[in-house]
């Protein structure tokens, strides 16, 4: 799975769990605050000597870790300036700030092995980060399961019907294949 796939899944779960406004707040933080720092490494790493590679990677990691902590604090219950539309996120306690901070920390792990052509290392890193996310976010597993059940039901047929009813299918004239 790519970052985009994880983003779609995470954003969909955020919308289901937290509501539209709160999901939009978290999604905007994750999408905008990175400034595509990890993606810009594609321009610098392949042509750099090893000393410069380390420098670029460290700068990107420091930025992403720092901005992850800041964005985590921005959506945490500790923020007295949290807008009224985002106040509902505080009922989840440390779950939302942890989610945001781990996402930023994991972002560099998604790009770096691809840039350096280390696919085996990328697979190991992706699996490890996924396990860390699952362990850290397992506290709210029952809440998510309840939300999915309320939204789509427990039977596969009911879930398929829900998705079919809510999905918008593109017509062939809209597709450029």
N, C-alpha and C. Protein backbone atom coordinates (compact mmCIF):
# COMPACT_ATOMS: atom_id res chain seq x y z
N UNK A 1 0.83 -1.19 0.00
CA UNK A 1 0.00 0.00 0.00
C UNK A 1 0.87 1.25 0.00
N UNK A 2 0.43 2.22 -0.71
CA UNK A 2 1.16 3.48 -0.76
C UNK A 2 0.62 4.44 0.29
N UNK A 3 1.29 5.57 0.40
CA UNK A 3 0.83 6.60 1.34
C UNK A 3 -0.58 7.04 0.98
N UNK A 4 -0.86 7.13 -0.30
CA UNK A 4 -2.19 7.54 -0.73
C UNK A 4 -3.25 6.54 -0.27
N UNK A 5 -2.94 5.24 -0.41
CA UNK A 5 -3.88 4.21 0.04
C UNK A 5 -4.13 4.33 1.54
N UNK A 6 -3.04 4.44 2.29
CA UNK A 6 -3.18 4.59 3.74
C UNK A 6 -3.96 5.86 4.07
N UNK A 7 -3.70 6.92 3.32
CA UNK A 7 -4.39 8.18 3.57
C UNK A 7 -5.88 8.05 3.34
N UNK A 8 -6.26 7.38 2.27
CA UNK A 8 -7.68 7.20 1.98
C UNK A 8 -8.35 6.38 3.07
N UNK A 9 -7.70 5.29 3.48
CA UNK A 9 -8.27 4.46 4.54
C UNK A 9 -8.35 5.24 5.84
N UNK A 10 -7.27 5.91 6.20
CA UNK A 10 -7.25 6.66 7.46
C UNK A 10 -8.28 7.78 7.44
N UNK A 11 -8.38 8.49 6.32
CA UNK A 11 -9.32 9.60 6.23
C UNK A 11 -10.75 9.09 6.28
N UNK A 12 -11.03 7.96 5.63
CA UNK A 12 -12.37 7.38 5.66
C UNK A 12 -12.73 6.97 7.08
N UNK A 13 -11.77 6.33 7.78
CA UNK A 13 -12.03 5.95 9.17
C UNK A 13 -12.21 7.18 10.05
N UNK A 14 -11.42 8.21 9.78
CA UNK A 14 -11.56 9.44 10.56
C UNK A 14 -12.94 10.04 10.36
N UNK A 15 -13.42 10.03 9.11
CA UNK A 15 -14.76 10.56 8.85
C UNK A 15 -15.83 9.73 9.54
N UNK A 16 -15.65 8.41 9.52
CA UNK A 16 -16.64 7.53 10.16
C UNK A 16 -16.62 7.68 11.67
N UNK A 17 -15.42 7.80 12.24
CA UNK A 17 -15.30 7.87 13.70
C UNK A 17 -15.59 9.26 14.24
N UNK A 18 -15.02 10.28 13.62
CA UNK A 18 -15.02 11.61 14.21
C UNK A 18 -16.02 12.57 13.59
N UNK A 19 -16.50 12.28 12.42
CA UNK A 19 -17.41 13.20 11.76
C UNK A 19 -16.68 13.98 10.68
N UNK A 20 -17.45 14.65 9.86
CA UNK A 20 -16.90 15.32 8.68
C UNK A 20 -15.91 16.42 9.04
N UNK A 21 -16.30 17.33 9.90
CA UNK A 21 -15.43 18.46 10.23
C UNK A 21 -14.14 18.01 10.90
N UNK A 22 -14.26 17.10 11.86
CA UNK A 22 -13.08 16.65 12.57
C UNK A 22 -12.15 15.85 11.65
N UNK A 23 -12.73 15.03 10.77
CA UNK A 23 -11.91 14.29 9.81
C UNK A 23 -11.21 15.21 8.83
N UNK A 24 -11.90 16.28 8.44
CA UNK A 24 -11.31 17.26 7.54
C UNK A 24 -10.15 18.00 8.20
N UNK A 25 -10.28 18.30 9.48
CA UNK A 25 -9.20 18.96 10.22
C UNK A 25 -7.96 18.08 10.25
N UNK A 26 -8.14 16.81 10.62
CA UNK A 26 -7.00 15.89 10.70
C UNK A 26 -6.41 15.65 9.31
N UNK A 27 -7.26 15.44 8.31
CA UNK A 27 -6.78 15.21 6.95
C UNK A 27 -6.02 16.40 6.39
N UNK A 28 -6.48 17.60 6.69
CA UNK A 28 -5.79 18.81 6.23
C UNK A 28 -4.43 18.93 6.89
N UNK A 29 -4.35 18.67 8.17
CA UNK A 29 -3.05 18.72 8.86
C UNK A 29 -2.07 17.74 8.22
N UNK A 30 -2.54 16.53 7.99
CA UNK A 30 -1.65 15.50 7.44
C UNK A 30 -1.25 15.85 6.00
N UNK A 31 -2.18 16.40 5.23
CA UNK A 31 -1.88 16.69 3.84
C UNK A 31 -1.05 17.94 3.60
N UNK A 32 -1.28 18.98 4.39
CA UNK A 32 -0.66 20.27 4.12
C UNK A 32 0.62 20.49 4.93
N UNK A 33 0.63 20.09 6.16
CA UNK A 33 1.76 20.44 7.05
C UNK A 33 3.07 19.75 6.67
N UNK A 34 3.01 18.67 5.90
CA UNK A 34 4.26 17.99 5.52
C UNK A 34 5.05 18.79 4.50
N UNK A 35 4.38 19.66 3.76
CA UNK A 35 5.01 20.45 2.68
C UNK A 35 5.74 19.56 1.68
N UNK A 36 5.29 18.31 1.56
CA UNK A 36 5.89 17.33 0.66
C UNK A 36 7.40 17.19 0.91
N UNK A 37 7.79 17.30 2.15
CA UNK A 37 9.21 17.21 2.50
C UNK A 37 9.79 15.85 2.11
N UNK A 38 9.06 14.78 2.40
CA UNK A 38 9.58 13.45 2.05
C UNK A 38 9.61 13.25 0.53
N UNK A 39 8.59 13.73 -0.16
CA UNK A 39 8.55 13.59 -1.61
C UNK A 39 9.62 14.38 -2.32
N UNK A 40 10.06 15.48 -1.74
CA UNK A 40 11.11 16.28 -2.37
C UNK A 40 12.47 15.60 -2.33
N UNK A 41 12.61 14.58 -1.51
CA UNK A 41 13.88 13.84 -1.48
C UNK A 41 14.16 13.14 -2.80
N UNK A 42 13.13 12.87 -3.59
CA UNK A 42 13.33 12.28 -4.92
C UNK A 42 14.24 13.16 -5.79
N UNK A 43 14.22 14.45 -5.56
CA UNK A 43 15.02 15.36 -6.36
C UNK A 43 16.48 15.44 -5.90
N UNK A 44 16.72 15.19 -4.62
CA UNK A 44 18.05 15.43 -4.08
C UNK A 44 18.86 14.15 -3.84
N UNK A 45 18.25 13.10 -3.37
CA UNK A 45 19.01 11.92 -2.96
C UNK A 45 19.71 11.16 -4.09
N UNK A 46 19.05 10.91 -5.22
CA UNK A 46 19.72 10.10 -6.24
C UNK A 46 21.03 10.69 -6.76
N UNK A 47 21.18 12.00 -6.75
CA UNK A 47 22.37 12.64 -7.32
C UNK A 47 23.38 13.08 -6.26
N UNK A 48 23.12 12.80 -5.01
CA UNK A 48 23.98 13.30 -3.93
C UNK A 48 25.00 12.28 -3.49
N UNK A 49 26.11 12.80 -2.95
CA UNK A 49 27.10 11.90 -2.36
C UNK A 49 26.57 11.45 -0.99
N UNK A 50 27.15 10.38 -0.40
CA UNK A 50 26.62 9.83 0.85
C UNK A 50 26.51 10.84 2.00
N UNK A 51 27.45 11.76 2.10
CA UNK A 51 27.40 12.74 3.18
C UNK A 51 26.18 13.67 3.02
N UNK A 52 25.93 14.11 1.81
CA UNK A 52 24.77 14.98 1.55
C UNK A 52 23.45 14.21 1.72
N UNK A 53 23.46 12.92 1.33
CA UNK A 53 22.25 12.11 1.50
C UNK A 53 21.84 12.08 2.96
N UNK A 54 22.81 11.81 3.83
CA UNK A 54 22.51 11.78 5.27
C UNK A 54 21.96 13.11 5.74
N UNK A 55 22.55 14.19 5.27
CA UNK A 55 22.12 15.52 5.66
C UNK A 55 20.67 15.77 5.25
N UNK A 56 20.33 15.46 4.00
CA UNK A 56 18.97 15.66 3.51
C UNK A 56 17.97 14.79 4.28
N UNK A 57 18.33 13.54 4.50
CA UNK A 57 17.44 12.63 5.23
C UNK A 57 17.22 13.11 6.66
N UNK A 58 18.28 13.52 7.32
CA UNK A 58 18.15 13.99 8.70
C UNK A 58 17.31 15.26 8.78
N UNK A 59 17.51 16.17 7.85
CA UNK A 59 16.71 17.39 7.85
C UNK A 59 15.23 17.07 7.64
N UNK A 60 14.95 16.19 6.70
CA UNK A 60 13.56 15.82 6.44
C UNK A 60 12.96 15.12 7.66
N UNK A 61 13.72 14.24 8.28
CA UNK A 61 13.21 13.52 9.45
C UNK A 61 12.96 14.48 10.62
N UNK A 62 13.88 15.38 10.87
CA UNK A 62 13.71 16.35 11.96
C UNK A 62 12.47 17.20 11.71
N UNK A 63 12.30 17.65 10.47
CA UNK A 63 11.13 18.46 10.14
C UNK A 63 9.85 17.67 10.37
N UNK A 64 9.78 16.44 9.80
CA UNK A 64 8.56 15.65 9.92
C UNK A 64 8.26 15.26 11.36
N UNK A 65 9.28 14.92 12.14
CA UNK A 65 9.06 14.59 13.55
C UNK A 65 8.59 15.82 14.32
N UNK A 66 9.23 16.95 14.08
CA UNK A 66 8.84 18.17 14.77
C UNK A 66 7.44 18.63 14.41
N UNK A 67 7.13 18.61 13.11
CA UNK A 67 5.80 19.06 12.68
C UNK A 67 4.74 18.06 13.12
N UNK A 68 5.11 16.79 13.21
CA UNK A 68 4.17 15.78 13.72
C UNK A 68 3.80 16.04 15.17
N UNK A 69 4.80 16.37 15.98
CA UNK A 69 4.53 16.69 17.39
C UNK A 69 3.70 17.97 17.49
N UNK A 70 4.05 18.98 16.71
CA UNK A 70 3.30 20.24 16.75
C UNK A 70 1.85 20.05 16.29
N UNK A 71 1.65 19.30 15.22
CA UNK A 71 0.29 19.06 14.74
C UNK A 71 -0.48 18.18 15.73
N UNK A 72 0.22 17.23 16.35
CA UNK A 72 -0.42 16.43 17.40
C UNK A 72 -0.88 17.29 18.55
N UNK A 73 -0.03 18.24 18.94
CA UNK A 73 -0.42 19.17 20.01
C UNK A 73 -1.56 20.09 19.57
N UNK A 74 -1.57 20.44 18.29
CA UNK A 74 -2.60 21.33 17.78
C UNK A 74 -4.00 20.72 17.88
N UNK A 75 -4.10 19.40 17.76
CA UNK A 75 -5.41 18.74 17.84
C UNK A 75 -5.63 18.05 19.18
N UNK A 76 -4.75 18.29 20.13
CA UNK A 76 -4.86 17.63 21.43
C UNK A 76 -5.74 18.43 22.38
N UNK A 77 -6.18 17.78 23.44
CA UNK A 77 -6.96 18.49 24.45
C UNK A 77 -6.14 19.55 25.19
N UNK A 78 -4.83 19.53 25.04
CA UNK A 78 -3.97 20.51 25.71
C UNK A 78 -3.98 21.87 25.02
N UNK A 79 -4.52 21.95 23.83
CA UNK A 79 -4.52 23.19 23.07
C UNK A 79 -5.69 24.08 23.49
N UNK A 80 -5.40 25.20 24.17
CA UNK A 80 -6.50 26.08 24.57
C UNK A 80 -7.10 26.86 23.40
N UNK A 81 -6.40 26.93 22.28
CA UNK A 81 -6.88 27.69 21.11
C UNK A 81 -7.60 26.81 20.09
N UNK A 82 -7.92 25.59 20.48
CA UNK A 82 -8.59 24.66 19.57
C UNK A 82 -9.95 25.24 19.16
N UNK A 83 -10.22 25.35 17.85
CA UNK A 83 -11.50 25.92 17.41
C UNK A 83 -12.69 25.09 17.91
N UNK A 84 -13.82 25.72 17.98
CA UNK A 84 -15.03 25.05 18.48
C UNK A 84 -15.39 23.83 17.63
N UNK A 85 -15.17 23.91 16.32
CA UNK A 85 -15.49 22.78 15.45
C UNK A 85 -14.61 21.57 15.74
N UNK A 86 -13.45 21.79 16.31
CA UNK A 86 -12.53 20.69 16.61
C UNK A 86 -12.60 20.24 18.06
N UNK A 87 -13.40 20.87 18.88
CA UNK A 87 -13.50 20.52 20.30
C UNK A 87 -13.94 19.07 20.50
N UNK A 88 -14.70 18.56 19.55
CA UNK A 88 -15.18 17.19 19.69
C UNK A 88 -14.04 16.17 19.64
N UNK A 89 -12.91 16.54 19.04
CA UNK A 89 -11.75 15.64 18.99
C UNK A 89 -11.17 15.40 20.38
N UNK A 90 -11.41 16.29 21.31
CA UNK A 90 -10.82 16.14 22.64
C UNK A 90 -11.43 14.98 23.42
N UNK A 91 -12.61 14.52 23.03
CA UNK A 91 -13.21 13.41 23.75
C UNK A 91 -12.45 12.09 23.52
N UNK A 92 -11.60 12.06 22.50
CA UNK A 92 -10.80 10.86 22.24
C UNK A 92 -9.48 10.87 23.00
N UNK A 93 -9.22 11.92 23.73
CA UNK A 93 -8.00 11.99 24.54
C UNK A 93 -6.75 12.03 23.67
N UNK A 94 -5.83 11.13 23.95
CA UNK A 94 -4.54 11.11 23.25
C UNK A 94 -4.60 10.36 21.93
N UNK A 95 -5.73 9.78 21.58
CA UNK A 95 -5.82 8.98 20.36
C UNK A 95 -5.53 9.80 19.10
N UNK A 96 -6.17 10.94 18.95
CA UNK A 96 -6.01 11.75 17.74
C UNK A 96 -4.60 12.33 17.64
N UNK A 97 -4.05 12.94 18.71
CA UNK A 97 -2.68 13.44 18.61
C UNK A 97 -1.66 12.32 18.32
N UNK A 98 -1.86 11.15 18.89
CA UNK A 98 -0.97 10.02 18.62
C UNK A 98 -1.07 9.59 17.17
N UNK A 99 -2.29 9.52 16.66
CA UNK A 99 -2.52 9.16 15.26
C UNK A 99 -1.78 10.12 14.33
N UNK A 100 -1.91 11.42 14.58
CA UNK A 100 -1.28 12.43 13.73
C UNK A 100 0.25 12.34 13.83
N UNK A 101 0.79 12.24 15.05
CA UNK A 101 2.24 12.19 15.22
C UNK A 101 2.85 10.94 14.59
N UNK A 102 2.20 9.79 14.76
CA UNK A 102 2.72 8.54 14.17
C UNK A 102 2.64 8.61 12.65
N UNK A 103 1.60 9.23 12.13
CA UNK A 103 1.47 9.35 10.68
C UNK A 103 2.64 10.14 10.10
N UNK A 104 2.97 11.27 10.73
CA UNK A 104 4.08 12.08 10.24
C UNK A 104 5.40 11.33 10.36
N UNK A 105 5.61 10.63 11.46
CA UNK A 105 6.86 9.88 11.64
C UNK A 105 6.98 8.77 10.60
N UNK A 106 5.86 8.16 10.25
CA UNK A 106 5.89 7.05 9.30
C UNK A 106 6.01 7.50 7.85
N UNK A 107 5.74 8.74 7.59
CA UNK A 107 5.74 9.23 6.21
C UNK A 107 7.10 9.08 5.54
N UNK A 108 8.17 9.40 6.24
CA UNK A 108 9.51 9.29 5.67
C UNK A 108 9.85 7.83 5.39
N UNK A 109 9.37 6.93 6.24
CA UNK A 109 9.63 5.51 6.02
C UNK A 109 8.96 4.99 4.76
N UNK A 110 7.91 5.65 4.33
CA UNK A 110 7.22 5.25 3.11
C UNK A 110 8.00 5.66 1.86
N UNK A 111 8.61 6.82 1.89
CA UNK A 111 9.31 7.34 0.71
C UNK A 111 10.76 6.86 0.60
N UNK A 112 11.46 6.86 1.70
CA UNK A 112 12.91 6.68 1.68
C UNK A 112 13.38 5.39 1.01
N UNK A 113 12.83 4.23 1.34
CA UNK A 113 13.32 3.02 0.67
C UNK A 113 13.07 3.01 -0.83
N UNK A 114 12.00 3.62 -1.27
CA UNK A 114 11.72 3.68 -2.70
C UNK A 114 12.75 4.54 -3.41
N UNK A 115 13.10 5.64 -2.79
CA UNK A 115 14.09 6.54 -3.38
C UNK A 115 15.44 5.84 -3.47
N UNK A 116 15.77 5.09 -2.42
CA UNK A 116 17.07 4.42 -2.34
C UNK A 116 17.04 3.01 -2.94
N UNK A 117 15.89 2.59 -3.50
CA UNK A 117 15.70 1.29 -4.14
C UNK A 117 16.00 0.12 -3.21
N UNK A 118 15.49 0.19 -1.99
CA UNK A 118 15.63 -0.89 -1.01
C UNK A 118 14.23 -1.41 -0.68
N UNK A 119 13.73 -2.23 -1.57
CA UNK A 119 12.35 -2.69 -1.47
C UNK A 119 12.15 -3.61 -0.27
N UNK A 120 13.10 -4.50 0.01
CA UNK A 120 12.99 -5.39 1.18
C UNK A 120 12.92 -4.61 2.47
N UNK A 121 13.76 -3.58 2.56
CA UNK A 121 13.76 -2.74 3.75
C UNK A 121 12.43 -1.99 3.87
N UNK A 122 11.90 -1.56 2.73
CA UNK A 122 10.62 -0.85 2.75
C UNK A 122 9.50 -1.75 3.23
N UNK A 123 9.49 -2.99 2.77
CA UNK A 123 8.44 -3.92 3.21
C UNK A 123 8.51 -4.12 4.72
N UNK A 124 9.71 -4.32 5.26
CA UNK A 124 9.87 -4.49 6.70
C UNK A 124 9.45 -3.25 7.47
N UNK A 125 9.83 -2.09 6.97
CA UNK A 125 9.49 -0.83 7.65
C UNK A 125 7.98 -0.59 7.61
N UNK A 126 7.35 -0.87 6.48
CA UNK A 126 5.92 -0.66 6.36
C UNK A 126 5.15 -1.57 7.30
N UNK A 127 5.55 -2.83 7.37
CA UNK A 127 4.88 -3.77 8.27
C UNK A 127 5.08 -3.37 9.72
N UNK A 128 6.30 -2.95 10.07
CA UNK A 128 6.58 -2.53 11.45
C UNK A 128 5.76 -1.31 11.84
N UNK A 129 5.72 -0.33 10.97
CA UNK A 129 4.95 0.89 11.27
C UNK A 129 3.46 0.56 11.36
N UNK A 130 2.98 -0.32 10.50
CA UNK A 130 1.57 -0.71 10.56
C UNK A 130 1.25 -1.38 11.88
N UNK A 131 2.14 -2.24 12.34
CA UNK A 131 1.93 -2.90 13.63
C UNK A 131 1.94 -1.88 14.78
N UNK A 132 2.85 -0.91 14.71
CA UNK A 132 2.89 0.13 15.75
C UNK A 132 1.59 0.92 15.74
N UNK A 133 1.09 1.26 14.56
CA UNK A 133 -0.18 2.00 14.48
C UNK A 133 -1.31 1.18 15.09
N UNK A 134 -1.35 -0.11 14.77
CA UNK A 134 -2.42 -0.97 15.29
C UNK A 134 -2.34 -1.04 16.81
N UNK A 135 -1.14 -1.22 17.34
CA UNK A 135 -0.98 -1.32 18.79
C UNK A 135 -1.35 -0.01 19.47
N UNK A 136 -0.89 1.12 18.92
CA UNK A 136 -1.18 2.41 19.54
C UNK A 136 -2.65 2.79 19.44
N UNK A 137 -3.29 2.39 18.36
CA UNK A 137 -4.67 2.80 18.14
C UNK A 137 -5.67 1.71 18.51
N UNK A 138 -5.19 0.62 19.12
CA UNK A 138 -6.07 -0.50 19.47
C UNK A 138 -7.06 -0.15 20.57
N UNK A 139 -6.77 0.89 21.34
CA UNK A 139 -7.66 1.27 22.44
C UNK A 139 -9.06 1.61 21.96
N UNK A 140 -9.17 2.18 20.79
CA UNK A 140 -10.48 2.60 20.28
C UNK A 140 -11.05 1.62 19.26
N UNK A 141 -10.54 0.39 19.28
CA UNK A 141 -11.00 -0.60 18.32
C UNK A 141 -12.49 -0.88 18.45
N UNK A 142 -12.97 -0.98 19.68
CA UNK A 142 -14.39 -1.26 19.89
C UNK A 142 -15.25 -0.11 19.38
N UNK A 143 -14.80 1.11 19.60
CA UNK A 143 -15.54 2.27 19.11
C UNK A 143 -15.64 2.30 17.60
N UNK A 144 -14.54 1.94 16.94
CA UNK A 144 -14.54 1.90 15.48
C UNK A 144 -15.45 0.79 14.98
N UNK A 145 -15.38 -0.38 15.62
CA UNK A 145 -16.24 -1.49 15.21
C UNK A 145 -17.71 -1.12 15.39
N UNK A 146 -18.02 -0.44 16.49
CA UNK A 146 -19.41 -0.01 16.72
C UNK A 146 -19.85 0.98 15.65
N UNK A 147 -18.97 1.92 15.29
CA UNK A 147 -19.30 2.91 14.26
C UNK A 147 -19.55 2.25 12.92
N UNK A 148 -18.69 1.30 12.55
CA UNK A 148 -18.87 0.59 11.28
C UNK A 148 -20.16 -0.22 11.30
N UNK A 149 -20.43 -0.86 12.44
CA UNK A 149 -21.66 -1.64 12.56
C UNK A 149 -22.90 -0.76 12.44
N UNK A 150 -22.89 0.39 13.11
CA UNK A 150 -24.02 1.32 13.04
C UNK A 150 -24.20 1.84 11.61
N UNK A 151 -23.09 2.12 10.95
CA UNK A 151 -23.16 2.68 9.61
C UNK A 151 -23.61 1.66 8.58
N UNK A 152 -23.00 0.46 8.62
CA UNK A 152 -23.19 -0.48 7.53
C UNK A 152 -23.82 -1.81 7.93
N UNK A 153 -24.03 -2.06 9.20
CA UNK A 153 -24.61 -3.33 9.62
C UNK A 153 -23.56 -4.40 9.79
N UNK A 154 -24.00 -5.60 10.15
CA UNK A 154 -23.06 -6.68 10.44
C UNK A 154 -22.96 -7.71 9.32
N UNK A 155 -23.93 -7.75 8.46
CA UNK A 155 -23.92 -8.75 7.38
C UNK A 155 -23.25 -8.18 6.13
N UNK A 156 -22.57 -9.05 5.42
CA UNK A 156 -21.85 -8.64 4.21
C UNK A 156 -22.80 -8.04 3.17
N UNK A 157 -24.00 -8.63 3.05
CA UNK A 157 -24.96 -8.12 2.06
C UNK A 157 -25.38 -6.70 2.41
N UNK A 158 -25.59 -6.45 3.69
CA UNK A 158 -26.01 -5.11 4.11
C UNK A 158 -24.89 -4.10 3.87
N UNK A 159 -23.66 -4.49 4.13
CA UNK A 159 -22.53 -3.60 3.88
C UNK A 159 -22.38 -3.30 2.39
N UNK A 160 -22.52 -4.33 1.57
CA UNK A 160 -22.43 -4.14 0.13
C UNK A 160 -23.54 -3.22 -0.35
N UNK A 161 -24.74 -3.41 0.18
CA UNK A 161 -25.87 -2.55 -0.21
C UNK A 161 -25.61 -1.11 0.21
N UNK A 162 -25.07 -0.92 1.40
CA UNK A 162 -24.77 0.43 1.88
C UNK A 162 -23.75 1.10 0.97
N UNK A 163 -22.68 0.38 0.64
CA UNK A 163 -21.63 0.94 -0.22
C UNK A 163 -22.18 1.22 -1.61
N UNK A 164 -22.98 0.31 -2.13
CA UNK A 164 -23.56 0.50 -3.47
C UNK A 164 -24.50 1.70 -3.50
N UNK A 165 -25.28 1.88 -2.44
CA UNK A 165 -26.20 3.01 -2.39
C UNK A 165 -25.47 4.33 -2.28
N UNK A 166 -24.37 4.36 -1.52
CA UNK A 166 -23.67 5.61 -1.24
C UNK A 166 -22.59 5.94 -2.26
N UNK A 167 -22.17 4.96 -3.04
CA UNK A 167 -21.07 5.18 -3.98
C UNK A 167 -21.58 5.90 -5.22
N UNK A 168 -20.71 6.73 -5.77
CA UNK A 168 -21.00 7.37 -7.04
C UNK A 168 -20.11 6.73 -8.09
N UNK A 169 -20.73 6.15 -9.09
CA UNK A 169 -19.97 5.47 -10.12
C UNK A 169 -19.75 6.42 -11.29
N UNK A 170 -18.55 6.40 -11.81
CA UNK A 170 -18.22 7.24 -12.96
C UNK A 170 -18.72 6.59 -14.23
N UNK A 171 -19.29 7.38 -15.10
CA UNK A 171 -19.72 6.86 -16.37
C UNK A 171 -18.50 6.76 -17.30
N UNK A 172 -18.65 6.01 -18.37
CA UNK A 172 -17.53 5.76 -19.26
C UNK A 172 -17.01 7.03 -19.92
N UNK A 173 -17.87 7.99 -20.15
CA UNK A 173 -17.42 9.22 -20.80
C UNK A 173 -16.55 10.07 -19.86
N UNK A 174 -16.60 9.80 -18.55
CA UNK A 174 -15.77 10.52 -17.59
C UNK A 174 -14.38 9.90 -17.44
N UNK A 175 -14.26 8.65 -17.86
CA UNK A 175 -13.00 7.94 -17.70
C UNK A 175 -12.09 8.17 -18.89
N UNK A 176 -10.84 8.42 -18.63
CA UNK A 176 -9.87 8.64 -19.69
C UNK A 176 -8.83 7.53 -19.60
N UNK A 177 -9.16 6.40 -20.20
CA UNK A 177 -8.28 5.23 -20.12
C UNK A 177 -7.62 4.98 -21.44
